[in-house]
C-alpha atoms as a PDB file:
ATOM      1  CA  MET A   1       0.000   0.000   0.000  1.00  0.00           C
ATOM      2  CA  TYR A   2       1.342   3.426  -1.014  1.00  0.00           C
ATOM      3  CA  LEU A   3       0.832   6.470   1.207  1.00  0.00           C
ATOM      4  CA  ILE A   4      -0.050   9.899  -0.168  1.00  0.00           C
ATOM      5  CA  SER A   5       1.731  13.018   1.097  1.00  0.00           C
ATOM      6  CA  ASP A   6       1.689  16.729   0.248  1.00  0.00           C
ATOM      7  CA  SER A   7       5.471  16.976   0.379  1.00  0.00           C
ATOM      8  CA  ARG A   8       7.640  16.994  -2.716  1.00  0.00           C
ATOM      9  CA  PRO A   9       8.231  13.509  -4.180  1.00  0.00           C
ATOM     10  CA  THR A  10      11.691  12.021  -3.935  1.00  0.00           C
ATOM     11  CA  GLN A  11      13.570  10.229  -6.697  1.00  0.00           C
ATOM     12  CA  ASP A  12      12.543   6.871  -5.251  1.00  0.00           C
ATOM     13  CA  ASP A  13       8.858   7.903  -5.357  1.00  0.00           C
ATOM     14  CA  VAL A  14       9.173   8.937  -9.005  1.00  0.00           C
ATOM     15  CA  THR A  15      10.888   5.660  -9.894  1.00  0.00           C
ATOM     16  CA  LYS A  16       8.165   3.625  -8.161  1.00  0.00           C
ATOM     17  CA  TYR A  17       5.450   5.616  -9.948  1.00  0.00           C
ATOM     18  CA  ILE A  18       7.024   5.060 -13.382  1.00  0.00           C
ATOM     19  CA  ASN A  19       7.440   1.341 -12.765  1.00  0.00           C
ATOM     20  CA  VAL A  20       3.813   0.965 -11.618  1.00  0.00           C
ATOM     21  CA  VAL A  21       2.482   2.851 -14.663  1.00  0.00           C
ATOM     22  CA  LYS A  22       4.627   0.872 -17.085  1.00  0.00           C
ATOM     23  CA  ASN A  23       3.599  -2.414 -15.501  1.00  0.00           C
ATOM     24  CA  SER A  24      -0.063  -1.491 -15.923  1.00  0.00           C
ATOM     25  CA  ARG A  25       0.683  -0.461 -19.528  1.00  0.00           C
ATOM     26  CA  ASP A  26      -0.569   3.102 -19.069  1.00  0.00           C
ATOM     27  CA  GLN A  27       0.933   6.306 -20.432  1.00  0.00           C
ATOM     28  CA  VAL A  28       3.367   8.112 -18.189  1.00  0.00           C
ATOM     29  CA  LEU A  29       2.500  11.755 -17.496  1.00  0.00           C
ATOM     30  CA  SER A  30       4.689  14.316 -19.097  1.00  0.00           C
ATOM     31  CA  LYS A  31       6.106  17.298 -17.254  1.00  0.00           C
ATOM     32  CA  ARG A  32       3.682  19.703 -18.966  1.00  0.00           C
ATOM     33  CA  GLU A  33       0.600  17.613 -18.098  1.00  0.00           C
ATOM     34  CA  ALA A  34       1.674  17.258 -14.481  1.00  0.00           C
ATOM     35  CA  THR A  35       2.213  21.022 -14.177  1.00  0.00           C
ATOM     36  CA  LYS A  36      -1.212  21.711 -15.672  1.00  0.00           C
ATOM     37  CA  MET A  37      -2.943  19.257 -13.317  1.00  0.00           C
ATOM     38  CA  ARG A  38      -1.222  20.805 -10.309  1.00  0.00           C
ATOM     39  CA  LYS A  39      -2.211  24.333 -11.341  1.00  0.00           C
ATOM     40  CA  THR A  40      -5.863  23.272 -11.806  1.00  0.00           C
ATOM     41  CA  GLN A  41      -5.882  21.566  -8.422  1.00  0.00           C
ATOM     42  CA  ASP A  42      -4.430  24.603  -6.643  1.00  0.00           C
ATOM     43  CA  GLU A  43      -6.973  26.931  -8.226  1.00  0.00           C
ATOM     44  CA  LEU A  44      -9.826  24.612  -7.283  1.00  0.00           C
ATOM     45  CA  VAL A  45      -8.705  24.381  -3.650  1.00  0.00           C
ATOM     46  CA  THR A  46      -7.924  28.058  -3.088  1.00  0.00           C
ATOM     47  CA  THR A  47     -10.519  29.899  -5.187  1.00  0.00           C
ATOM     48  CA  TYR A  48     -13.557  27.600  -5.270  1.00  0.00           C
ATOM     49  CA  THR A  49     -16.812  29.044  -3.864  1.00  0.00           C
ATOM     50  CA  TYR A  50     -19.656  26.761  -2.817  1.00  0.00           C
ATOM     51  CA  THR A  51     -23.003  27.522  -4.428  1.00  0.00           C
ATOM     52  CA  LYS A  52     -26.445  27.013  -2.961  1.00  0.00           C
ATOM     53  CA  GLU A  53     -26.920  23.821  -4.996  1.00  0.00           C
ATOM     54  CA  ASP A  54     -23.667  22.391  -3.661  1.00  0.00           C
ATOM     55  CA  ILE A  55     -24.693  23.100  -0.072  1.00  0.00           C
ATOM     56  CA  GLU A  56     -28.139  21.535  -0.540  1.00  0.00           C
ATOM     57  CA  ARG A  57     -26.611  18.487  -2.209  1.00  0.00           C
ATOM     58  CA  ASN A  58     -24.119  18.042   0.652  1.00  0.00           C
ATOM     59  CA  VAL A  59     -26.901  18.382   3.223  1.00  0.00           C
ATOM     60  CA  LYS A  60     -29.015  15.746   1.479  1.00  0.00           C
ATOM     61  CA  GLU A  61     -26.083  13.348   1.238  1.00  0.00           C
ATOM     62  CA  ARG A  62     -25.309  13.881   4.900  1.00  0.00           C
ATOM     63  CA  LYS A  63     -28.907  13.143   5.868  1.00  0.00           C
ATOM     64  CA  LYS A  64     -28.870   9.969   3.767  1.00  0.00           C
ATOM     65  CA  THR A  65     -25.668   8.711   5.327  1.00  0.00           C
ATOM     66  CA  GLY A  66     -26.891   9.705   8.788  1.00  0.00           C
ATOM     67  CA  ALA A  67     -23.643  11.417   9.812  1.00  0.00           C
ATOM     68  CA  ALA A  68     -24.492  13.976  12.527  1.00  0.00           C
ATOM     69  CA  ALA A  69     -22.085  15.485  15.016  1.00  0.00           C
ATOM     70  CA  ASN A  70     -24.692  16.471  17.631  1.00  0.00           C
ATOM     71  CA  MET A  71     -27.522  13.972  17.788  1.00  0.00           C
ATOM     72  CA  GLY A  72     -29.295  15.879  20.563  1.00  0.00           C
ATOM     73  CA  SER A  73     -29.659  19.035  18.467  1.00  0.00           C
ATOM     74  CA  GLU A  74     -30.776  16.949  15.472  1.00  0.00           C
ATOM     75  CA  GLN A  75     -33.467  15.284  17.595  1.00  0.00           C
ATOM     76  CA  ALA A  76     -34.708  18.635  18.890  1.00  0.00           C
ATOM     77  CA  ARG A  77     -34.791  20.081  15.363  1.00  0.00           C
ATOM     78  CA  ALA A  78     -36.722  17.071  14.020  1.00  0.00           C
ATOM     79  CA  ASN A  79     -39.262  17.271  16.872  1.00  0.00           C
ATOM     80  CA  LEU A  80     -39.847  20.980  16.257  1.00  0.00           C
ATOM     81  CA  ALA A  81     -40.257  20.346  12.520  1.00  0.00           C
ATOM     82  CA  VAL A  82     -42.872  17.655  13.213  1.00  0.00           C
ATOM     83  CA  GLN A  83     -44.789  19.925  15.563  1.00  0.00           C
ATOM     84  CA  SER A  84     -44.832  22.791  13.057  1.00  0.00           C
ATOM     85  CA  ALA A  85     -45.931  20.440  10.242  1.00  0.00           C
ATOM     86  CA  ARG A  86     -48.795  19.134  12.374  1.00  0.00           C
ATOM     87  CA  ALA A  87     -49.864  22.701  13.152  1.00  0.00           C
ATOM     88  CA  VAL A  88     -49.900  23.500   9.438  1.00  0.00           C
ATOM     89  CA  VAL A  89     -52.016  20.397   8.710  1.00  0.00           C
ATOM     90  CA  SER A  90     -54.546  21.270  11.412  1.00  0.00           C
ATOM     91  CA  GLU A  91     -54.781  24.854  10.160  1.00  0.00           C
ATOM     92  CA  ALA A  92     -55.299  23.671   6.551  1.00  0.00           C
ATOM     93  CA  LYS A  93     -58.027  21.277   7.704  1.00  0.00           C
ATOM     94  CA  SER A  94     -59.867  24.015   9.576  1.00  0.00           C
ATOM     95  CA  ARG A  95     -59.690  26.363   6.582  1.00  0.00           C
ATOM     96  CA  LEU A  96     -60.965  23.656   4.217  1.00  0.00           C
ATOM     97  CA  GLU A  97     -63.857  22.728   6.528  1.00  0.00           C
ATOM     98  CA  GLU A  98     -64.802  26.379   6.877  1.00  0.00           C
ATOM     99  CA  ALA A  99     -64.794  26.882   3.087  1.00  0.00           C
ATOM    100  CA  LYS A 100     -66.930  23.777   2.568  1.00  0.00           C
ATOM    101  CA  ARG A 101     -69.397  24.950   5.211  1.00  0.00           C
ATOM    102  CA  GLU A 102     -69.677  28.350   3.556  1.00  0.00           C
ATOM    103  CA  LEU A 103     -70.218  26.640   0.206  1.00  0.00           C
ATOM    104  CA  LEU A 104     -73.077  24.537   1.608  1.00  0.00           C
ATOM    105  CA  GLU A 105     -74.685  27.474   3.385  1.00  0.00           C
ATOM    106  CA  MET A 106     -74.951  29.535   0.232  1.00  0.00           C
ATOM    107  CA  THR A 107     -78.584  29.882  -0.877  1.00  0.00           C
ATOM    108  CA  GLY A 108     -77.953  30.880  -4.462  1.00  0.00           C
ATOM    109  CA  GLU A 109     -75.974  29.170  -7.136  1.00  0.00           C
ATOM    110  CA  THR A 110     -72.316  28.499  -6.418  1.00  0.00           C
ATOM    111  CA  THR A 111     -69.735  30.339  -8.449  1.00  0.00           C
ATOM    112  CA  TYR A 112     -66.617  28.988 -10.075  1.00  0.00           C
ATOM    113  CA  GLU A 113     -64.348  31.012  -7.799  1.00  0.00           C
ATOM    114  CA  GLU A 114     -65.746  29.453  -4.631  1.00  0.00           C
ATOM    115  CA  GLU A 115     -65.333  25.945  -5.983  1.00  0.00           C
ATOM    116  CA  LYS A 116     -61.815  26.810  -7.099  1.00  0.00           C
ATOM    117  CA  LYS A 117     -61.048  28.089  -3.586  1.00  0.00           C
ATOM    118  CA  VAL A 118     -62.165  24.775  -2.095  1.00  0.00           C
ATOM    119  CA  ASP A 119     -59.994  22.864  -4.565  1.00  0.00           C
ATOM    120  CA  GLU A 120     -56.974  25.014  -3.732  1.00  0.00           C
ATOM    121  CA  LEU A 121     -57.457  24.478   0.015  1.00  0.00           C
ATOM    122  CA  ASP A 122     -57.749  20.739  -0.627  1.00  0.00           C
ATOM    123  CA  LYS A 123     -54.429  20.802  -2.504  1.00  0.00           C
ATOM    124  CA  GLU A 124     -52.801  22.771   0.317  1.00  0.00           C
ATOM    125  CA  LEU A 125     -54.006  20.161   2.801  1.00  0.00           C
ATOM    126  CA  GLU A 126     -52.504  17.352   0.716  1.00  0.00           C
ATOM    127  CA  LYS A 127     -49.230  19.258   0.464  1.00  0.00           C
ATOM    128  CA  ALA A 128     -49.162  19.814   4.239  1.00  0.00           C
ATOM    129  CA  LYS A 129     -49.799  16.100   4.832  1.00  0.00           C
ATOM    130  CA  ASN A 130     -46.931  15.158   2.524  1.00  0.00           C
ATOM    131  CA  GLU A 131     -44.664  17.571   4.356  1.00  0.00           C
ATOM    132  CA  LEU A 132     -45.714  16.029   7.682  1.00  0.00           C
ATOM    133  CA  ASN A 133     -44.926  12.532   6.394  1.00  0.00           C
ATOM    134  CA  GLU A 134     -41.448  13.671   5.316  1.00  0.00           C
ATOM    135  CA  ARG A 135     -40.793  15.211   8.707  1.00  0.00           C
ATOM    136  CA  LEU A 136     -41.972  12.014  10.432  1.00  0.00           C
ATOM    137  CA  GLU A 137     -39.667   9.921   8.285  1.00  0.00           C
ATOM    138  CA  GLU A 138     -36.766  12.199   9.137  1.00  0.00           C
ATOM    139  CA  GLN A 139     -37.611  11.952  12.841  1.00  0.00           C
ATOM    140  CA  ASN A 140     -37.725   8.155  12.653  1.00  0.00           C
ATOM    141  CA  THR A 141     -34.382   8.089  10.852  1.00  0.00           C
ATOM    142  CA  ILE A 142     -32.727  10.217  13.517  1.00  0.00           C
ATOM    143  CA  GLN A 143     -34.287   8.100  16.257  1.00  0.00           C
ATOM    144  CA  ASP A 144     -32.908   4.946  14.634  1.00  0.00           C
ATOM    145  CA  LEU A 145     -29.459   6.524  14.475  1.00  0.00           C
ATOM    146  CA  VAL A 146     -29.612   7.485  18.127  1.00  0.00           C
ATOM    147  CA  SER A 147     -30.687   3.991  19.172  1.00  0.00           C
ATOM    148  CA  LYS A 148     -27.951   2.472  16.994  1.00  0.00           C
ATOM    149  CA  ARG A 149     -25.338   4.707  18.581  1.00  0.00           C
ATOM    150  CA  LYS A 150     -26.537   3.823  22.086  1.00  0.00           C
ATOM    151  CA  ARG A 151     -26.460   0.129  21.241  1.00  0.00           C
ATOM    152  CA  LYS A 152     -22.970   0.500  19.829  1.00  0.00           C
ATOM    153  CA  LEU A 153     -21.729   2.294  22.932  1.00  0.00           C
ATOM    154  CA  THR A 154     -23.273  -0.217  25.312  1.00  0.00           C
ATOM    155  CA  ASN A 155     -21.868  -3.177  23.387  1.00  0.00           C
ATOM    156  CA  ARG A 156     -18.288  -1.922  23.275  1.00  0.00           C
ATOM    157  CA  ARG A 157     -15.844  -4.488  24.556  1.00  0.00           C
ATOM    158  CA  LYS A 158     -14.112  -2.043  26.885  1.00  0.00           C
ATOM    159  CA  ASP A 159     -17.346  -0.939  28.544  1.00  0.00           C
ATOM    160  CA  VAL A 160     -18.574  -4.505  28.863  1.00  0.00           C
ATOM    161  CA  ASN A 161     -15.344  -5.533  30.570  1.00  0.00           C
ATOM    162  CA  TRP A 162     -15.570  -2.641  33.050  1.00  0.00           C
ATOM    163  CA  ALA A 163     -19.184  -3.549  33.792  1.00  0.00           C
ATOM    164  CA  LYS A 164     -18.092  -7.108  34.557  1.00  0.00           C
ATOM    165  CA  VAL A 165     -15.363  -5.842  36.876  1.00  0.00           C
ATOM    166  CA  ASN A 166     -17.836  -3.655  38.775  1.00  0.00           C
ATOM    167  CA  GLN A 167     -20.361  -6.465  39.065  1.00  0.00           C
ATOM    168  CA  ARG A 168     -17.695  -8.854  40.350  1.00  0.00           C
ATOM    169  CA  ALA A 169     -16.513  -6.342  42.960  1.00  0.00           C
ATOM    170  CA  ARG A 170     -20.112  -5.745  44.085  1.00  0.00           C
ATOM    171  CA  GLN A 171     -20.659  -9.473  44.533  1.00  0.00           C
ATOM    172  CA  MET A 172     -17.420  -9.786  46.529  1.00  0.00           C
ATOM    173  CA  ASN A 173     -18.538  -6.993  48.868  1.00  0.00           C
ATOM    174  CA  GLU A 174     -21.910  -8.640  49.424  1.00  0.00           C
ATOM    175  CA  THR A 175     -20.229 -11.991  50.132  1.00  0.00           C
ATOM    176  CA  ALA A 176     -17.823 -10.393  52.635  1.00  0.00           C
ATOM    177  CA  ASP A 177     -20.686  -8.672  54.465  1.00  0.00           C
ATOM    178  CA  PHE A 178     -22.643 -11.916  54.655  1.00  0.00           C
ATOM    179  CA  GLU A 179     -19.651 -13.857  55.990  1.00  0.00           C
ATOM    180  CA  ALA A 180     -18.982 -11.213  58.653  1.00  0.00           C
ATOM    181  CA  PHE A 181     -22.622 -11.348  59.737  1.00  0.00           C
ATOM    182  CA  LYS A 182     -22.448 -15.155  59.979  1.00  0.00           C
ATOM    183  CA  GLU A 183     -19.318 -14.985  62.130  1.00  0.00           C
ATOM    184  CA  GLN A 184     -20.934 -12.454  64.457  1.00  0.00           C
ATOM    185  CA  GLN A 185     -24.037 -14.606  64.891  1.00  0.00           C
ATOM    186  CA  ALA A 186     -21.950 -17.731  65.537  1.00  0.00           C
ATOM    187  CA  ARG A 187     -19.899 -15.894  68.165  1.00  0.00           C
ATOM    188  CA  LYS A 188     -23.041 -14.715  69.969  1.00  0.00           C
ATOM    189  CA  GLU A 189     -24.511 -18.215  69.972  1.00  0.00           C
ATOM    190  CA  ALA A 190     -21.270 -19.668  71.384  1.00  0.00           C
ATOM    191  CA  GLU A 191     -21.200 -17.096  74.181  1.00  0.00           C
ATOM    192  CA  ASN A 192     -24.829 -17.750  75.087  1.00  0.00           C
ATOM    193  CA  ASN A 193     -24.298 -21.518  75.154  1.00  0.00           C
ATOM    194  CA  SER A 194     -21.112 -21.380  77.234  1.00  0.00           C
ATOM    195  CA  GLY A 195     -22.576 -18.897  79.703  1.00  0.00           C
ATOM    196  CA  GLY A 196     -19.221 -17.242  80.250  1.00  0.00           C
ATOM    197  CA  GLN A 197     -18.151 -13.703  79.686  1.00  0.00           C
ATOM    198  CA  ALA A 198     -17.132 -12.620  76.241  1.00  0.00           C
ATOM    199  CA  LYS A 199     -13.449 -12.237  75.531  1.00  0.00           C
ATOM    200  CA  PHE A 200     -12.351  -8.626  75.436  1.00  0.00           C
ATOM    201  CA  ASN A 201     -11.641  -7.396  71.951  1.00  0.00           C
ATOM    202  CA  PRO A 202      -9.701  -4.109  71.974  1.00  0.00           C
ATOM    203  CA  PHE A 203     -10.531  -3.444  68.305  1.00  0.00           C
ATOM    204  CA  ALA A 204     -14.301  -3.959  68.641  1.00  0.00           C
ATOM    205  CA  ARG A 205     -16.683  -1.048  68.492  1.00  0.00           C
ATOM    206  CA  ARG A 206     -17.787   0.168  71.920  1.00  0.00           C
ATOM    207  CA  LYS A 207     -21.483   0.124  72.720  1.00  0.00           C
ATOM    208  CA  VAL A 208     -22.336   3.687  73.630  1.00  0.00           C
ATOM    209  CA  LYS A 209     -25.769   5.077  74.304  1.00  0.00           C
ATOM    210  CA  PRO A 210     -26.244   8.177  72.174  1.00  0.00           C
ATOM    211  CA  LYS A 211     -26.870  11.471  73.954  1.00  0.00           C
ATOM    212  CA  ILE A 212     -28.052  14.816  72.731  1.00  0.00           C
ATOM    213  CA  LEU A 213     -25.194  17.265  73.028  1.00  0.00           C
ATOM    214  CA  TRP A 214     -27.153  20.202  74.412  1.00  0.00           C
ATOM    215  CA  GLU A 215     -28.620  18.008  77.191  1.00  0.00           C
ATOM    216  CA  VAL A 216     -25.297  16.692  78.462  1.00  0.00           C
ATOM    217  CA  GLY A 217     -24.671  18.055  81.970  1.00  0.00           C
ATOM    218  CA  GLN A 218     -27.979  19.926  82.107  1.00  0.00           C
ATOM    219  CA  LYS A 219     -29.918  17.233  83.932  1.00  0.00           C
ATOM    220  CA  GLU A 220     -28.776  15.388  87.040  1.00  0.00           C
ATOM    221  CA  GLU A 221     -28.851  11.613  86.876  1.00  0.00           C
ATOM    222  CA  LYS A 222     -31.475  10.001  89.151  1.00  0.00           C
ATOM    223  CA  LYS A 223     -30.514   7.221  91.525  1.00  0.00           C
ATOM    224  CA  ASP A 224     -32.531   4.065  92.044  1.00  0.00           C
ATOM    225  CA  ASP A 225     -32.624   4.120  95.898  1.00  0.00           C
ATOM    226  CA  GLU A 226     -35.123   6.730  97.173  1.00  0.00           C
ATOM    227  CA  PRO A 227     -33.874   6.847 100.869  1.00  0.00           C
ATOM    228  CA  ASN A 228     -30.332   7.652  99.761  1.00  0.00           C
ATOM    229  CA  GLU A 229     -31.707  10.315  97.481  1.00  0.00           C
ATOM    230  CA  ASN A 230     -33.662  11.932 100.351  1.00  0.00           C
ATOM    231  CA  ILE A 231     -30.596  11.892 102.620  1.00  0.00           C
ATOM    232  CA  SER A 232     -28.453  13.482  99.948  1.00  0.00           C
ATOM    233  CA  ASN A 233     -31.092  16.169  99.402  1.00  0.00           C
ATOM    234  CA  ALA A 234     -31.238  16.957 103.149  1.00  0.00           C
ATOM    235  CA  ASN A 235     -27.434  17.196 103.344  1.00  0.00           C
ATOM    236  CA  ALA A 236     -27.427  19.476 100.338  1.00  0.00           C
ATOM    237  CA  ASN A 237     -30.010  21.758 101.989  1.00  0.00           C
ATOM    238  CA  ASP A 238     -27.984  21.929 105.242  1.00  0.00           C
ATOM    239  CA  ASN A 239     -24.847  22.812 103.308  1.00  0.00           C
ATOM    240  CA  GLN A 240     -26.699  25.550 101.475  1.00  0.00           C
ATOM    241  CA  ASN A 241     -28.054  27.019 104.747  1.00  0.00           C
ATOM    242  CA  GLY A 242     -24.595  27.010 106.321  1.00  0.00           C
ATOM    243  CA  GLN A 243     -23.110  28.708 103.288  1.00  0.00           C
ATOM    244  CA  ARG A 244     -25.796  31.391 103.416  1.00  0.00           C
ATOM    245  CA  LYS A 245     -25.067  32.097 107.142  1.00  0.00           C
ATOM    246  CA  THR A 246     -21.323  32.411 106.607  1.00  0.00           C
ATOM    247  CA  ALA A 247     -21.920  34.696 103.644  1.00  0.00           C
ATOM    248  CA  ALA A 248     -24.164  36.943 105.774  1.00  0.00           C
ATOM    249  CA  LEU A 249     -21.527  37.155 108.555  1.00  0.00           C
ATOM    250  CA  LYS A 250     -18.821  38.067 106.079  1.00  0.00           C
ATOM    251  CA  ALA A 251     -21.019  40.767 104.581  1.00  0.00           C
ATOM    252  CA  ALA A 252     -21.672  42.289 108.041  1.00  0.00           C
ATOM    253  CA  GLN A 253     -17.950  42.322 108.846  1.00  0.00           C
ATOM    254  CA  GLU A 254     -17.149  44.025 105.547  1.00  0.00           C
ATOM    255  CA  ALA A 255     -19.783  46.679 106.228  1.00  0.00           C
ATOM    256  CA  LYS A 256     -18.242  47.454 109.652  1.00  0.00           C
ATOM    257  CA  LYS A 257     -14.804  47.777 108.105  1.00  0.00           C
ATOM    258  CA  VAL A 258     -16.093  50.199 105.500  1.00  0.00           C
ATOM    259  CA  ALA A 259     -17.758  52.338 108.197  1.00  0.00           C
ATOM    260  CA  LEU A 260     -14.548  52.525 110.274  1.00  0.00           C
ATOM    261  CA  VAL A 261     -12.512  53.523 107.240  1.00  0.00           C
ATOM    262  CA  ALA A 262     -15.048  56.234 106.393  1.00  0.00           C
ATOM    263  CA  GLU A 263     -14.847  57.677 109.931  1.00  0.00           C
ATOM    264  CA  SER A 264     -11.036  57.760 109.925  1.00  0.00           C
ATOM    265  CA  HIS A 265     -10.883  59.645 106.608  1.00  0.00           C
ATOM    266  CA  GLN A 266     -12.696  62.871 107.556  1.00  0.00           C
ATOM    267  CA  ILE A 267     -10.866  65.746 105.853  1.00  0.00           C
ATOM    268  CA  THR A 268     -10.510  69.419 106.837  1.00  0.00           C
ATOM    269  CA  LEU A 269      -8.074  72.070 105.710  1.00  0.00           C
ATOM    270  CA  ASP A 270      -6.141  74.548 108.007  1.00  0.00           C
ATOM    271  CA  GLY A 271      -8.685  74.393 110.842  1.00  0.00           C
ATOM    272  CA  ASP A 272     -11.413  76.163 108.859  1.00  0.00           C
ATOM    273  CA  GLY A 273     -13.963  73.646 110.016  1.00  0.00           C
ATOM    274  CA  GLU A 274     -15.210  73.041 106.470  1.00  0.00           C
ATOM    275  CA  ASP A 275     -15.972  69.321 105.989  1.00  0.00           C
ATOM    276  CA  PHE A 276     -16.117  67.551 102.665  1.00  0.00           C
ATOM    277  CA  ASP A 277     -18.386  64.677 103.634  1.00  0.00           C
ATOM    278  CA  ASN A 278     -21.120  65.831 101.286  1.00  0.00           C
ATOM    279  CA  ASN A 279     -18.696  66.380  98.410  1.00  0.00           C
ATOM    280  CA  PRO A 280     -19.323  63.633  95.811  1.00  0.00           C
ATOM    281  CA  SER A 281     -15.711  63.726  94.627  1.00  0.00           C
ATOM    282  CA  PHE A 282     -14.475  61.908  97.780  1.00  0.00           C
ATOM    283  CA  GLY A 283     -16.954  59.021  97.650  1.00  0.00           C
ATOM    284  CA  LEU A 284     -16.975  58.255 101.455  1.00  0.00           C
ATOM    285  CA  ALA A 285     -19.723  60.079 103.405  1.00  0.00           C
ATOM    286  CA  SER A 286     -20.346  59.751 107.160  1.00  0.00           C
ATOM    287  CA  LYS A 287     -23.500  60.493 109.132  1.00  0.00           C
ATOM    288  CA  LYS A 288     -21.526  61.979 112.095  1.00  0.00           C
ATOM    289  CA  LYS A 289     -20.851  65.715 112.260  1.00  0.00           C
ATOM    290  CA  SER A 290     -17.229  66.615 111.582  1.00  0.00           C
ATOM    291  CA  ILE A 291     -15.116  67.964 114.480  1.00  0.00           C
ATOM    292  CA  THR A 292     -12.913  71.029 113.950  1.00  0.00           C
ATOM    293  CA  ARG A 293      -9.300  70.297 114.761  1.00  0.00           C
ATOM    294  CA  ILE A 294      -7.118  72.875 116.557  1.00  0.00           C
ATOM    295  CA  ARG A 295      -3.450  73.068 115.648  1.00  0.00           C
ATOM    296  CA  LYS A 296      -1.073  73.137 118.668  1.00  0.00           C
ATOM    297  CA  GLY A 297       2.678  73.746 118.630  1.00  0.00           C
ATOM    298  CA  ILE A 298       5.303  76.271 117.566  1.00  0.00           C
ATOM    299  CA  SER A 299       5.611  78.068 114.295  1.00  0.00           C
ATOM    300  CA  LEU A 300       8.254  77.386 111.661  1.00  0.00           C
ATOM    301  CA  SER A 301      10.277  80.501 112.492  1.00  0.00           C
ATOM    302  CA  ASP A 302      10.420  79.569 116.238  1.00  0.00           C
ATOM    303  CA  TYR A 303      11.489  76.087 115.283  1.00  0.00           C
ATOM    304  CA  LEU A 304      14.338  77.415 113.187  1.00  0.00           C
ATOM    305  CA  ASP A 305      15.498  79.836 115.912  1.00  0.00           C
ATOM    306  CA  ARG A 306      15.529  77.146 118.558  1.00  0.00           C
ATOM    307  CA  LYS A 307      17.379  74.802 116.269  1.00  0.00           C
ATOM    308  CA  ALA A 308      20.001  77.457 115.620  1.00  0.00           C
ATOM    309  CA  THR A 309      20.487  78.179 119.332  1.00  0.00           C
ATOM    310  CA  GLY A 310      20.377  74.484 120.282  1.00  0.00           C
ATOM    311  CA  SER A 311      17.491  74.800 122.710  1.00  0.00           C
ATOM    312  CA  LEU A 312      15.193  72.190 121.148  1.00  0.00           C
END
């Protein structure tokens, strides 16, 4: 088999071509003919413009072969075409029935134009029906292509093999679960028959009673013995009463200390007798009336004189 390439032919390629042509007893191309063929091919590739007939012909051939890149869009387009064709058929039927009814209701003689109108509507109805049949055939063709593609994809060897692998793994998981359940049941039966305690398994799941998180620690656990519960309640009440008494004594002692401190911090300046108990800036007010203090002693100048003379 010979491969075709766009690159320039080598001497070996030319020799092979000449031998093949001579063996088939055909005429070897001359240099002028080859140049002319190449020029025609280049012009066709670079300057050719598709006409409307070419496009329609390509579309028809593509529909016949059934080659579609997007089958979903083709299905949607075919369904819309069928719906529109059915709407046209129903509209043509209603117009034809209306024309026939008008023709029957006429009291006088019918004219040629009215009969011609009925015939034209009848032809339009037939044309609409033919169009609907074509659209239905196209829809069926696309549906067959879609089903064929699905069948081809589902029957691919690679997909079938992966499906077998998944099914085998699923069966293995089910078998393992069943065997584990059987072992657990056999272990329980052996423990019940022996009557002994079960052997501790450090890797087994612990049996824990579920609790609601926002209720943990909010409710006190109730004990089974009622007398013990009553005794504990009585002790708790006694402890609470004792704590209340001690708290009251401490509060009284603190109040006395505050009163003594307030009495010892009465303030006057230079014997003027003006008290500042009612001044809110000092914060400690006393109910007792302030006593004016009298300064006794020597003055600063006498003190200095005596110190200088040594008579202190």
